[in-house]
Amino acid sequence: MKTLALAAALASTLFAAPAALADQGSSCHFHGSKPATEAVVTDCAAKRKASLVKAGKLDASWQAIPLDKAELVDGKKGKEWKLSFKNPAVTDASKQTLYLFFSQPGNFIAANHTGL
């Protein structure tokens, strides 16, 4: 009986672990090559930006900044989404624009202030 209870507890732990370890942007993970819509990528970008603020990688002033531009560009491995956010509250002009890159299906690639 103890073995059965232990096995059940272990099994429930294994099923719950992935959800507990997932970050906030994990709902924006896609398989396949079906292109994501601009609305989906925009939502994923907002979630990723919030995650970067929460992790302390971006100042809290970025939280309320709306999307400035979303475009499909030619990336290193084909088409990718490039989304930009402009924060006039940032004093360093080279850091006023945040760029988030997503694969065409909608998976996060990178974030930077250069747009490259």
PDB file of N, CA and C in Angstrom:
ATOM      1  N   MET A   1       0.819  -1.192   0.000  1.00  0.00           N
ATOM      2  CA  MET A   1       0.000   0.000   0.000  1.00  0.00           C
ATOM      3  C   MET A   1       0.869   1.264   0.000  1.00  0.00           C
ATOM      4  N   LYS A   2       1.963   1.225   0.789  1.00  0.00           N
ATOM      5  CA  LYS A   2       2.861   2.375   0.820  1.00  0.00           C
ATOM      6  C   LYS A   2       3.483   2.604  -0.556  1.00  0.00           C
ATOM      7  N   THR A   3       3.807   1.518  -1.234  1.00  0.00           N
ATOM      8  CA  THR A   3       4.418   1.621  -2.561  1.00  0.00           C
ATOM      9  C   THR A   3       3.456   2.264  -3.549  1.00  0.00           C
ATOM     10  N   LEU A   4       2.195   1.881  -3.470  1.00  0.00           N
ATOM     11  CA  LEU A   4       1.190   2.455  -4.361  1.00  0.00           C
ATOM     12  C   LEU A   4       1.016   3.951  -4.090  1.00  0.00           C
ATOM     13  N   ALA A   5       0.967   4.335  -2.826  1.00  0.00           N
ATOM     14  CA  ALA A   5       0.821   5.747  -2.466  1.00  0.00           C
ATOM     15  C   ALA A   5       2.046   6.542  -2.909  1.00  0.00           C
ATOM     16  N   LEU A   6       3.226   5.967  -2.741  1.00  0.00           N
ATOM     17  CA  LEU A   6       4.459   6.625  -3.157  1.00  0.00           C
ATOM     18  C   LEU A   6       4.496   6.787  -4.676  1.00  0.00           C
ATOM     19  N   ALA A   7       4.083   5.755  -5.391  1.00  0.00           N
ATOM     20  CA  ALA A   7       4.058   5.817  -6.857  1.00  0.00           C
ATOM     21  C   ALA A   7       3.069   6.879  -7.337  1.00  0.00           C
ATOM     22  N   ALA A   8       1.916   6.968  -6.694  1.00  0.00           N
ATOM     23  CA  ALA A   8       0.919   7.970  -7.072  1.00  0.00           C
ATOM     24  C   ALA A   8       1.443   9.382  -6.798  1.00  0.00           C
ATOM     25  N   ALA A   9       2.105   9.565  -5.674  1.00  0.00           N
ATOM     26  CA  ALA A   9       2.666  10.877  -5.342  1.00  0.00           C
ATOM     27  C   ALA A   9       3.759  11.266  -6.333  1.00  0.00           C
ATOM     28  N   LEU A  10       4.603  10.319  -6.687  1.00  0.00           N
ATOM     29  CA  LEU A  10       5.670  10.578  -7.650  1.00  0.00           C
ATOM     30  C   LEU A  10       5.095  10.921  -9.023  1.00  0.00           C
ATOM     31  N   ALA A  11       4.089  10.183  -9.451  1.00  0.00           N
ATOM     32  CA  ALA A  11       3.468  10.433 -10.753  1.00  0.00           C
ATOM     33  C   ALA A  11       2.833  11.819 -10.802  1.00  0.00           C
ATOM     34  N   SER A  12       2.155  12.220  -9.731  1.00  0.00           N
ATOM     35  CA  SER A  12       1.524  13.544  -9.727  1.00  0.00           C
ATOM     36  C   SER A  12       2.576  14.647  -9.729  1.00  0.00           C
ATOM     37  N   THR A  13       3.702  14.418  -9.092  1.00  0.00           N
ATOM     38  CA  THR A  13       4.794  15.390  -9.100  1.00  0.00           C
ATOM     39  C   THR A  13       5.364  15.554 -10.501  1.00  0.00           C
ATOM     40  N   LEU A  14       5.522  14.456 -11.209  1.00  0.00           N
ATOM     41  CA  LEU A  14       6.069  14.519 -12.565  1.00  0.00           C
ATOM     42  C   LEU A  14       5.147  15.272 -13.512  1.00  0.00           C
ATOM     43  N   PHE A  15       3.843  15.131 -13.338  1.00  0.00           N
ATOM     44  CA  PHE A  15       2.905  15.830 -14.210  1.00  0.00           C
ATOM     45  C   PHE A  15       2.796  17.309 -13.859  1.00  0.00           C
ATOM     46  N   ALA A  16       2.984  17.677 -12.606  1.00  0.00           N
ATOM     47  CA  ALA A  16       2.855  19.068 -12.186  1.00  0.00           C
ATOM     48  C   ALA A  16       4.134  19.862 -12.415  1.00  0.00           C
ATOM     49  N   ALA A  17       5.276  19.208 -12.490  1.00  0.00           N
ATOM     50  CA  ALA A  17       6.560  19.904 -12.609  1.00  0.00           C
ATOM     51  C   ALA A  17       6.663  20.811 -13.829  1.00  0.00           C
ATOM     52  N   PRO A  18       6.277  20.392 -15.032  1.00  0.00           N
ATOM     53  CA  PRO A  18       6.414  21.299 -16.180  1.00  0.00           C
ATOM     54  C   PRO A  18       5.626  22.597 -16.024  1.00  0.00           C
ATOM     55  N   ALA A  19       4.447  22.535 -15.459  1.00  0.00           N
ATOM     56  CA  ALA A  19       3.650  23.749 -15.265  1.00  0.00           C
ATOM     57  C   ALA A  19       4.299  24.665 -14.233  1.00  0.00           C
ATOM     58  N   ALA A  20       4.887  24.084 -13.211  1.00  0.00           N
ATOM     59  CA  ALA A  20       5.526  24.883 -12.175  1.00  0.00           C
ATOM     60  C   ALA A  20       6.794  25.551 -12.685  1.00  0.00           C
ATOM     61  N   LEU A  21       7.479  24.932 -13.630  1.00  0.00           N
ATOM     62  CA  LEU A  21       8.732  25.469 -14.141  1.00  0.00           C
ATOM     63  C   LEU A  21       8.546  26.400 -15.333  1.00  0.00           C
ATOM     64  N   ALA A  22       7.371  26.451 -15.890  1.00  0.00           N
ATOM     65  CA  ALA A  22       7.141  27.272 -17.083  1.00  0.00           C
ATOM     66  C   ALA A  22       7.193  28.747 -16.725  1.00  0.00           C
ATOM     67  N   ASP A  23       7.805  29.552 -17.597  1.00  0.00           N
ATOM     68  CA  ASP A  23       7.823  30.983 -17.348  1.00  0.00           C
ATOM     69  C   ASP A  23       6.561  31.623 -17.914  1.00  0.00           C
ATOM     70  N   GLN A  24       6.423  32.914 -17.691  1.00  0.00           N
ATOM     71  CA  GLN A  24       5.192  33.601 -18.087  1.00  0.00           C
ATOM     72  C   GLN A  24       4.968  33.564 -19.591  1.00  0.00           C
ATOM     73  N   GLY A  25       6.048  33.578 -20.380  1.00  0.00           N
ATOM     74  CA  GLY A  25       5.901  33.585 -21.822  1.00  0.00           C
ATOM     75  C   GLY A  25       5.710  32.223 -22.438  1.00  0.00           C
ATOM     76  N   SER A  26       5.596  31.179 -21.619  1.00  0.00           N
ATOM     77  CA  SER A  26       5.552  29.819 -22.154  1.00  0.00           C
ATOM     78  C   SER A  26       4.272  29.510 -22.919  1.00  0.00           C
ATOM     79  N   SER A  27       3.219  30.279 -22.730  1.00  0.00           N
ATOM     80  CA  SER A  27       2.002  30.019 -23.498  1.00  0.00           C
ATOM     81  C   SER A  27       2.194  30.407 -24.957  1.00  0.00           C
ATOM     82  N   CYS A  28       3.291  31.034 -25.257  1.00  0.00           N
ATOM     83  CA  CYS A  28       3.607  31.456 -26.624  1.00  0.00           C
ATOM     84  C   CYS A  28       4.697  30.566 -27.201  1.00  0.00           C
ATOM     85  N   HIS A  29       4.475  29.282 -27.132  1.00  0.00           N
ATOM     86  CA  HIS A  29       5.404  28.310 -27.712  1.00  0.00           C
ATOM     87  C   HIS A  29       4.623  27.498 -28.729  1.00  0.00           C
ATOM     88  N   PHE A  30       5.071  27.541 -29.980  1.00  0.00           N
ATOM     89  CA  PHE A  30       4.319  26.922 -31.059  1.00  0.00           C
ATOM     90  C   PHE A  30       5.167  25.901 -31.801  1.00  0.00           C
ATOM     91  N   HIS A  31       4.524  24.885 -32.332  1.00  0.00           N
ATOM     92  CA  HIS A  31       5.188  23.856 -33.137  1.00  0.00           C
ATOM     93  C   HIS A  31       4.682  23.957 -34.564  1.00  0.00           C
ATOM     94  N   GLY A  32       5.489  23.510 -35.486  1.00  0.00           N
ATOM     95  CA  GLY A  32       5.084  23.549 -36.884  1.00  0.00           C
ATOM     96  C   GLY A  32       5.545  24.827 -37.554  1.00  0.00           C
ATOM     97  N   SER A  33       5.120  25.016 -38.771  1.00  0.00           N
ATOM     98  CA  SER A  33       5.568  26.183 -39.528  1.00  0.00           C
ATOM     99  C   SER A  33       4.426  27.114 -39.920  1.00  0.00           C
ATOM    100  N   LYS A  34       3.254  26.901 -39.363  1.00  0.00           N
ATOM    101  CA  LYS A  34       2.111  27.767 -39.675  1.00  0.00           C
ATOM    102  C   LYS A  34       2.410  29.182 -39.165  1.00  0.00           C
ATOM    103  N   PRO A  35       2.372  30.175 -40.045  1.00  0.00           N
ATOM    104  CA  PRO A  35       2.659  31.546 -39.614  1.00  0.00           C
ATOM    105  C   PRO A  35       1.649  32.048 -38.584  1.00  0.00           C
ATOM    106  N   ALA A  36       2.165  32.713 -37.568  1.00  0.00           N
ATOM    107  CA  ALA A  36       1.301  33.306 -36.547  1.00  0.00           C
ATOM    108  C   ALA A  36       0.725  34.613 -37.081  1.00  0.00           C
ATOM    109  N   THR A  37      -0.447  34.956 -36.605  1.00  0.00           N
ATOM    110  CA  THR A  37      -1.047  36.231 -36.995  1.00  0.00           C
ATOM    111  C   THR A  37      -0.381  37.360 -36.210  1.00  0.00           C
ATOM    112  N   GLU A  38      -0.543  38.560 -36.699  1.00  0.00           N
ATOM    113  CA  GLU A  38       0.025  39.712 -36.000  1.00  0.00           C
ATOM    114  C   GLU A  38      -0.572  39.837 -34.603  1.00  0.00           C
ATOM    115  N   ALA A  39      -1.849  39.535 -34.448  1.00  0.00           N
ATOM    116  CA  ALA A  39      -2.508  39.624 -33.138  1.00  0.00           C
ATOM    117  C   ALA A  39      -1.883  38.653 -32.140  1.00  0.00           C
ATOM    118  N   VAL A  40      -1.583  37.438 -32.581  1.00  0.00           N
ATOM    119  CA  VAL A  40      -0.970  36.439 -31.699  1.00  0.00           C
ATOM    120  C   VAL A  40       0.421  36.892 -31.281  1.00  0.00           C
ATOM    121  N   VAL A  41       1.214  37.351 -32.240  1.00  0.00           N
ATOM    122  CA  VAL A  41       2.583  37.774 -31.940  1.00  0.00           C
ATOM    123  C   VAL A  41       2.581  39.021 -31.057  1.00  0.00           C
ATOM    124  N   THR A  42       1.654  39.919 -31.278  1.00  0.00           N
ATOM    125  CA  THR A  42       1.542  41.118 -30.445  1.00  0.00           C
ATOM    126  C   THR A  42       1.235  40.742 -29.003  1.00  0.00           C
ATOM    127  N   ASP A  43       0.341  39.792 -28.812  1.00  0.00           N
ATOM    128  CA  ASP A  43       0.015  39.311 -27.468  1.00  0.00           C
ATOM    129  C   ASP A  43       1.232  38.652 -26.818  1.00  0.00           C
ATOM    130  N   CYS A  44       1.945  37.840 -27.580  1.00  0.00           N
ATOM    131  CA  CYS A  44       3.145  37.174 -27.058  1.00  0.00           C
ATOM    132  C   CYS A  44       4.222  38.197 -26.700  1.00  0.00           C
ATOM    133  N   ALA A  45       4.350  39.252 -27.496  1.00  0.00           N
ATOM    134  CA  ALA A  45       5.340  40.294 -27.218  1.00  0.00           C
ATOM    135  C   ALA A  45       5.008  41.028 -25.920  1.00  0.00           C
ATOM    136  N   ALA A  46       3.741  41.306 -25.700  1.00  0.00           N
ATOM    137  CA  ALA A  46       3.331  41.969 -24.457  1.00  0.00           C
ATOM    138  C   ALA A  46       3.644  41.086 -23.250  1.00  0.00           C
ATOM    139  N   LYS A  47       3.396  39.782 -23.384  1.00  0.00           N
ATOM    140  CA  LYS A  47       3.702  38.849 -22.294  1.00  0.00           C
ATOM    141  C   LYS A  47       5.204  38.760 -22.062  1.00  0.00           C
ATOM    142  N   ARG A  48       5.986  38.724 -23.126  1.00  0.00           N
ATOM    143  CA  ARG A  48       7.443  38.635 -22.997  1.00  0.00           C
ATOM    144  C   ARG A  48       7.994  39.905 -22.365  1.00  0.00           C
ATOM    145  N   LYS A  49       7.474  41.065 -22.758  1.00  0.00           N
ATOM    146  CA  LYS A  49       7.913  42.340 -22.180  1.00  0.00           C
ATOM    147  C   LYS A  49       7.611  42.359 -20.681  1.00  0.00           C
ATOM    148  N   ALA A  50       6.423  41.912 -20.305  1.00  0.00           N
ATOM    149  CA  ALA A  50       6.054  41.850 -18.885  1.00  0.00           C
ATOM    150  C   ALA A  50       6.979  40.910 -18.126  1.00  0.00           C
ATOM    151  N   SER A  51       7.352  39.812 -18.753  1.00  0.00           N
ATOM    152  CA  SER A  51       8.266  38.855 -18.134  1.00  0.00           C
ATOM    153  C   SER A  51       9.651  39.472 -17.929  1.00  0.00           C
ATOM    154  N   LEU A  52      10.112  40.252 -18.892  1.00  0.00           N
ATOM    155  CA  LEU A  52      11.412  40.920 -18.773  1.00  0.00           C
ATOM    156  C   LEU A  52      11.386  41.976 -17.672  1.00  0.00           C
ATOM    157  N   VAL A  53      10.268  42.670 -17.525  1.00  0.00           N
ATOM    158  CA  VAL A  53      10.119  43.649 -16.444  1.00  0.00           C
ATOM    159  C   VAL A  53      10.125  42.930 -15.100  1.00  0.00           C
ATOM    160  N   LYS A  54       9.365  41.859 -15.006  1.00  0.00           N
ATOM    161  CA  LYS A  54       9.271  41.094 -13.754  1.00  0.00           C
ATOM    162  C   LYS A  54      10.626  40.521 -13.346  1.00  0.00           C
ATOM    163  N   ALA A  55      11.421  40.103 -14.336  1.00  0.00           N
ATOM    164  CA  ALA A  55      12.744  39.530 -14.063  1.00  0.00           C
ATOM    165  C   ALA A  55      13.788  40.607 -13.760  1.00  0.00           C
ATOM    166  N   GLY A  56      13.419  41.878 -13.894  1.00  0.00           N
ATOM    167  CA  GLY A  56      14.350  42.960 -13.612  1.00  0.00           C
ATOM    168  C   GLY A  56      15.282  43.289 -14.771  1.00  0.00           C
ATOM    169  N   LYS A  57      15.027  42.728 -15.927  1.00  0.00           N
ATOM    170  CA  LYS A  57      15.876  43.001 -17.091  1.00  0.00           C
ATOM    171  C   LYS A  57      15.464  44.293 -17.790  1.00  0.00           C
ATOM    172  N   LEU A  58      14.244  44.734 -17.539  1.00  0.00           N
ATOM    173  CA  LEU A  58      13.750  46.015 -18.045  1.00  0.00           C
ATOM    174  C   LEU A  58      13.197  46.811 -16.877  1.00  0.00           C
ATOM    175  N   ASP A  59      13.332  48.124 -16.950  1.00  0.00           N
ATOM    176  CA  ASP A  59      12.782  49.011 -15.938  1.00  0.00           C
ATOM    177  C   ASP A  59      11.251  48.908 -15.931  1.00  0.00           C
ATOM    178  N   ALA A  60      10.654  49.138 -14.787  1.00  0.00           N
ATOM    179  CA  ALA A  60       9.196  49.041 -14.645  1.00  0.00           C
ATOM    180  C   ALA A  60       8.450  50.012 -15.560  1.00  0.00           C
ATOM    181  N   SER A  61       9.109  51.079 -16.000  1.00  0.00           N
ATOM    182  CA  SER A  61       8.446  52.043 -16.888  1.00  0.00           C
ATOM    183  C   SER A  61       8.067  51.419 -18.231  1.00  0.00           C
ATOM    184  N   TRP A  62       8.697  50.307 -18.594  1.00  0.00           N
ATOM    185  CA  TRP A  62       8.377  49.627 -19.854  1.00  0.00           C
ATOM    186  C   TRP A  62       7.027  48.914 -19.798  1.00  0.00           C
ATOM    187  N   GLN A  63       6.546  48.611 -18.619  1.00  0.00           N
ATOM    188  CA  GLN A  63       5.316  47.827 -18.469  1.00  0.00           C
ATOM    189  C   GLN A  63       4.130  48.455 -19.204  1.00  0.00           C
ATOM    190  N   ALA A  64       3.974  49.748 -19.118  1.00  0.00           N
ATOM    191  CA  ALA A  64       2.804  50.424 -19.695  1.00  0.00           C
ATOM    192  C   ALA A  64       3.011  50.878 -21.144  1.00  0.00           C
ATOM    193  N   ILE A  65       4.167  50.627 -21.710  1.00  0.00           N
ATOM    194  CA  ILE A  65       4.465  51.103 -23.070  1.00  0.00           C
ATOM    195  C   ILE A  65       3.755  50.225 -24.100  1.00  0.00           C
ATOM    196  N   PRO A  66       2.943  50.836 -24.966  1.00  0.00           N
ATOM    197  CA  PRO A  66       2.231  50.052 -25.988  1.00  0.00           C
ATOM    198  C   PRO A  66       3.134  49.717 -27.176  1.00  0.00           C
ATOM    199  N   LEU A  67       2.700  48.781 -27.962  1.00  0.00           N
ATOM    200  CA  LEU A  67       3.412  48.394 -29.173  1.00  0.00           C
ATOM    201  C   LEU A  67       3.481  49.583 -30.120  1.00  0.00           C
ATOM    202  N   ASP A  68       4.666  49.822 -30.671  1.00  0.00           N
ATOM    203  CA  ASP A  68       4.838  50.898 -31.644  1.00  0.00           C
ATOM    204  C   ASP A  68       4.684  50.374 -33.066  1.00  0.00           C
ATOM    205  N   LYS A  69       5.316  49.210 -33.342  1.00  0.00           N
ATOM    206  CA  LYS A  69       5.308  48.698 -34.712  1.00  0.00           C
ATOM    207  C   LYS A  69       5.538  47.191 -34.710  1.00  0.00           C
ATOM    208  N   ALA A  70       4.823  46.498 -35.579  1.00  0.00           N
ATOM    209  CA  ALA A  70       5.025  45.058 -35.788  1.00  0.00           C
ATOM    210  C   ALA A  70       5.210  44.843 -37.280  1.00  0.00           C
ATOM    211  N   GLU A  71       6.276  44.149 -37.639  1.00  0.00           N
ATOM    212  CA  GLU A  71       6.529  43.900 -39.053  1.00  0.00           C
ATOM    213  C   GLU A  71       7.187  42.542 -39.246  1.00  0.00           C
ATOM    214  N   LEU A  72       6.962  41.966 -40.410  1.00  0.00           N
ATOM    215  CA  LEU A  72       7.582  40.706 -40.797  1.00  0.00           C
ATOM    216  C   LEU A  72       8.817  41.062 -41.616  1.00  0.00           C
ATOM    217  N   VAL A  73      10.002  40.647 -41.141  1.00  0.00           N
ATOM    218  CA  VAL A  73      11.261  40.997 -41.800  1.00  0.00           C
ATOM    219  C   VAL A  73      12.036  39.737 -42.174  1.00  0.00           C
ATOM    220  N   ASP A  74      13.055  39.899 -42.999  1.00  0.00           N
ATOM    221  CA  ASP A  74      13.940  38.789 -43.344  1.00  0.00           C
ATOM    222  C   ASP A  74      14.972  38.638 -42.240  1.00  0.00           C
ATOM    223  N   GLY A  75      14.963  37.496 -41.550  1.00  0.00           N
ATOM    224  CA  GLY A  75      15.914  37.221 -40.494  1.00  0.00           C
ATOM    225  C   GLY A  75      16.998  36.272 -40.964  1.00  0.00           C
ATOM    226  N   LYS A  76      17.828  35.821 -40.035  1.00  0.00           N
ATOM    227  CA  LYS A  76      18.926  34.910 -40.363  1.00  0.00           C
ATOM    228  C   LYS A  76      18.433  33.566 -40.885  1.00  0.00           C
ATOM    229  N   LYS A  77      17.286  33.128 -40.393  1.00  0.00           N
ATOM    230  CA  LYS A  77      16.755  31.815 -40.791  1.00  0.00           C
ATOM    231  C   LYS A  77      15.413  31.945 -41.501  1.00  0.00           C
ATOM    232  N   GLY A  78      15.232  33.006 -42.234  1.00  0.00           N
ATOM    233  CA  GLY A  78      13.966  33.214 -42.935  1.00  0.00           C
ATOM    234  C   GLY A  78      13.176  34.356 -42.327  1.00  0.00           C
ATOM    235  N   LYS A  79      11.896  34.387 -42.608  1.00  0.00           N
ATOM    236  CA  LYS A  79      11.031  35.462 -42.112  1.00  0.00           C
ATOM    237  C   LYS A  79      10.884  35.383 -40.598  1.00  0.00           C
ATOM    238  N   GLU A  80      10.866  36.553 -39.961  1.00  0.00           N
ATOM    239  CA  GLU A  80      10.610  36.623 -38.525  1.00  0.00           C
ATOM    240  C   GLU A  80       9.895  37.929 -38.211  1.00  0.00           C
ATOM    241  N   TRP A  81       9.217  37.912 -37.083  1.00  0.00           N
ATOM    242  CA  TRP A  81       8.497  39.092 -36.619  1.00  0.00           C
ATOM    243  C   TRP A  81       9.452  39.990 -35.845  1.00  0.00           C
ATOM    244  N   LYS A  82       9.382  41.293 -36.114  1.00  0.00           N
ATOM    245  CA  LYS A  82      10.165  42.300 -35.391  1.00  0.00           C
ATOM    246  C   LYS A  82       9.164  43.296 -34.816  1.00  0.00           C
ATOM    247  N   LEU A  83       9.081  43.354 -33.495  1.00  0.00           N
ATOM    248  CA  LEU A  83       8.141  44.253 -32.826  1.00  0.00           C
ATOM    249  C   LEU A  83       8.927  45.286 -32.037  1.00  0.00           C
ATOM    250  N   SER A  84       8.490  46.526 -32.081  1.00  0.00           N
ATOM    251  CA  SER A  84       9.212  47.574 -31.367  1.00  0.00           C
ATOM    252  C   SER A  84       8.286  48.327 -30.413  1.00  0.00           C
ATOM    253  N   PHE A  85       8.891  48.744 -29.309  1.00  0.00           N
ATOM    254  CA  PHE A  85       8.224  49.529 -28.275  1.00  0.00           C
ATOM    255  C   PHE A  85       9.116  50.735 -28.011  1.00  0.00           C
ATOM    256  N   LYS A  86       8.540  51.937 -27.952  1.00  0.00           N
ATOM    257  CA  LYS A  86       9.326  53.150 -27.705  1.00  0.00           C
ATOM    258  C   LYS A  86       8.943  53.742 -26.359  1.00  0.00           C
ATOM    259  N   ASN A  87       9.971  53.941 -25.525  1.00  0.00           N
ATOM    260  CA  ASN A  87       9.763  54.457 -24.177  1.00  0.00           C
ATOM    261  C   ASN A  87      10.463  55.815 -24.043  1.00  0.00           C
ATOM    262  N   PRO A  88       9.731  56.919 -24.144  1.00  0.00           N
ATOM    263  CA  PRO A  88      10.349  58.245 -24.052  1.00  0.00           C
ATOM    264  C   PRO A  88      10.880  58.573 -22.658  1.00  0.00           C
ATOM    265  N   ALA A  89      10.510  57.793 -21.650  1.00  0.00           N
ATOM    266  CA  ALA A  89      10.982  58.041 -20.287  1.00  0.00           C
ATOM    267  C   ALA A  89      12.433  57.604 -20.086  1.00  0.00           C
ATOM    268  N   VAL A  90      12.967  56.809 -21.007  1.00  0.00           N
ATOM    269  CA  VAL A  90      14.352  56.343 -20.901  1.00  0.00           C
ATOM    270  C   VAL A  90      15.272  57.480 -21.335  1.00  0.00           C
ATOM    271  N   THR A  91      16.243  57.831 -20.485  1.00  0.00           N
ATOM    272  CA  THR A  91      17.116  58.966 -20.778  1.00  0.00           C
ATOM    273  C   THR A  91      18.188  58.642 -21.815  1.00  0.00           C
ATOM    274  N   ASP A  92      18.667  57.414 -21.859  1.00  0.00           N
ATOM    275  CA  ASP A  92      19.670  57.000 -22.845  1.00  0.00           C
ATOM    276  C   ASP A  92      18.962  56.754 -24.180  1.00  0.00           C
ATOM    277  N   ALA A  93      19.210  57.621 -25.158  1.00  0.00           N
ATOM    278  CA  ALA A  93      18.516  57.541 -26.450  1.00  0.00           C
ATOM    279  C   ALA A  93      18.730  56.203 -27.147  1.00  0.00           C
ATOM    280  N   SER A  94      19.881  55.570 -26.925  1.00  0.00           N
ATOM    281  CA  SER A  94      20.155  54.283 -27.575  1.00  0.00           C
ATOM    282  C   SER A  94      19.344  53.140 -26.974  1.00  0.00           C
ATOM    283  N   LYS A  95      18.678  53.398 -25.845  1.00  0.00           N
ATOM    284  CA  LYS A  95      17.881  52.361 -25.175  1.00  0.00           C
ATOM    285  C   LYS A  95      16.390  52.702 -25.146  1.00  0.00           C
ATOM    286  N   GLN A  96      15.985  53.736 -25.875  1.00  0.00           N
ATOM    287  CA  GLN A  96      14.577  54.140 -25.868  1.00  0.00           C
ATOM    288  C   GLN A  96      13.674  53.200 -26.651  1.00  0.00           C
ATOM    289  N   THR A  97      14.234  52.425 -27.556  1.00  0.00           N
ATOM    290  CA  THR A  97      13.425  51.493 -28.342  1.00  0.00           C
ATOM    291  C   THR A  97      13.809  50.066 -27.988  1.00  0.00           C
ATOM    292  N   LEU A  98      12.809  49.279 -27.645  1.00  0.00           N
ATOM    293  CA  LEU A  98      12.995  47.858 -27.349  1.00  0.00           C
ATOM    294  C   LEU A  98      12.481  47.061 -28.539  1.00  0.00           C
ATOM    295  N   TYR A  99      13.303  46.137 -29.019  1.00  0.00           N
ATOM    296  CA  TYR A  99      12.908  45.270 -30.130  1.00  0.00           C
ATOM    297  C   TYR A  99      12.765  43.846 -29.619  1.00  0.00           C
ATOM    298  N   LEU A 100      11.672  43.206 -29.976  1.00  0.00           N
ATOM    299  CA  LEU A 100      11.456  41.797 -29.661  1.00  0.00           C
ATOM    300  C   LEU A 100      11.323  41.055 -30.982  1.00  0.00           C
ATOM    301  N   PHE A 101      12.007  39.932 -31.090  1.00  0.00           N
ATOM    302  CA  PHE A 101      11.986  39.138 -32.313  1.00  0.00           C
ATOM    303  C   PHE A 101      11.327  37.788 -32.049  1.00  0.00           C
ATOM    304  N   PHE A 102      10.466  37.388 -32.964  1.00  0.00           N
ATOM    305  CA  PHE A 102       9.762  36.110 -32.887  1.00  0.00           C
ATOM    306  C   PHE A 102       9.878  35.410 -34.233  1.00  0.00           C
ATOM    307  N   SER A 103       9.936  34.086 -34.199  1.00  0.00           N
ATOM    308  CA  SER A 103       9.924  33.329 -35.448  1.00  0.00           C
ATOM    309  C   SER A 103       8.576  33.549 -36.127  1.00  0.00           C
ATOM    310  N   GLN A 104       8.492  33.211 -37.398  1.00  0.00           N
ATOM    311  CA  GLN A 104       7.228  33.414 -38.112  1.00  0.00           C
ATOM    312  C   GLN A 104       6.074  32.646 -37.458  1.00  0.00           C
ATOM    313  N   PRO A 105       6.313  31.423 -36.909  1.00  0.00           N
ATOM    314  CA  PRO A 105       5.227  30.734 -36.203  1.00  0.00           C
ATOM    315  C   PRO A 105       4.891  31.350 -34.833  1.00  0.00           C
ATOM    316  N   GLY A 106       5.750  32.261 -34.315  1.00  0.00           N
ATOM    317  CA  GLY A 106       5.429  32.959 -33.079  1.00  0.00           C
ATOM    318  C   GLY A 106       6.282  32.651 -31.874  1.00  0.00           C
ATOM    319  N   ASN A 107       7.387  31.926 -32.026  1.00  0.00           N
ATOM    320  CA  ASN A 107       8.265  31.618 -30.898  1.00  0.00           C
ATOM    321  C   ASN A 107       9.272  32.745 -30.674  1.00  0.00           C
ATOM    322  N   PHE A 108       9.498  33.094 -29.406  1.00  0.00           N
ATOM    323  CA  PHE A 108      10.434  34.162 -29.051  1.00  0.00           C
ATOM    324  C   PHE A 108      11.844  33.799 -29.489  1.00  0.00           C
ATOM    325  N   ILE A 109      12.544  34.764 -30.088  1.00  0.00           N
ATOM    326  CA  ILE A 109      13.932  34.571 -30.505  1.00  0.00           C
ATOM    327  C   ILE A 109      14.865  35.393 -29.626  1.00  0.00           C
ATOM    328  N   ALA A 110      14.637  36.710 -29.564  1.00  0.00           N
ATOM    329  CA  ALA A 110      15.560  37.579 -28.833  1.00  0.00           C
ATOM    330  C   ALA A 110      14.916  38.928 -28.551  1.00  0.00           C
ATOM    331  N   ALA A 111      15.573  39.672 -27.656  1.00  0.00           N
ATOM    332  CA  ALA A 111      15.175  41.045 -27.351  1.00  0.00           C
ATOM    333  C   ALA A 111      16.444  41.883 -27.280  1.00  0.00           C
ATOM    334  N   ASN A 112      16.382  43.101 -27.831  1.00  0.00           N
ATOM    335  CA  ASN A 112      17.529  44.001 -27.743  1.00  0.00           C
ATOM    336  C   ASN A 112      17.081  45.434 -27.992  1.00  0.00           C
ATOM    337  N   HIS A 113      18.050  46.343 -27.927  1.00  0.00           N
ATOM    338  CA  HIS A 113      17.762  47.756 -28.172  1.00  0.00           C
ATOM    339  C   HIS A 113      18.350  48.229 -29.497  1.00  0.00           C
ATOM    340  N   THR A 114      18.943  47.329 -30.264  1.00  0.00           N
ATOM    341  CA  THR A 114      19.571  47.722 -31.527  1.00  0.00           C
ATOM    342  C   THR A 114      18.687  47.455 -32.736  1.00  0.00           C
ATOM    343  N   GLY A 115      17.813  46.485 -32.643  1.00  0.00           N
ATOM    344  CA  GLY A 115      16.959  46.136 -33.773  1.00  0.00           C
ATOM    345  C   GLY A 115      17.627  45.223 -34.774  1.00  0.00           C
ATOM    346  N   LEU A 116      18.810  44.743 -34.428  1.00  0.00           N
ATOM    347  CA  LEU A 116      19.552  43.845 -35.323  1.00  0.00           C
ATOM    348  C   LEU A 116      19.546  42.425 -34.807  1.00  0.00           C
TER     349      LEU A 116
END
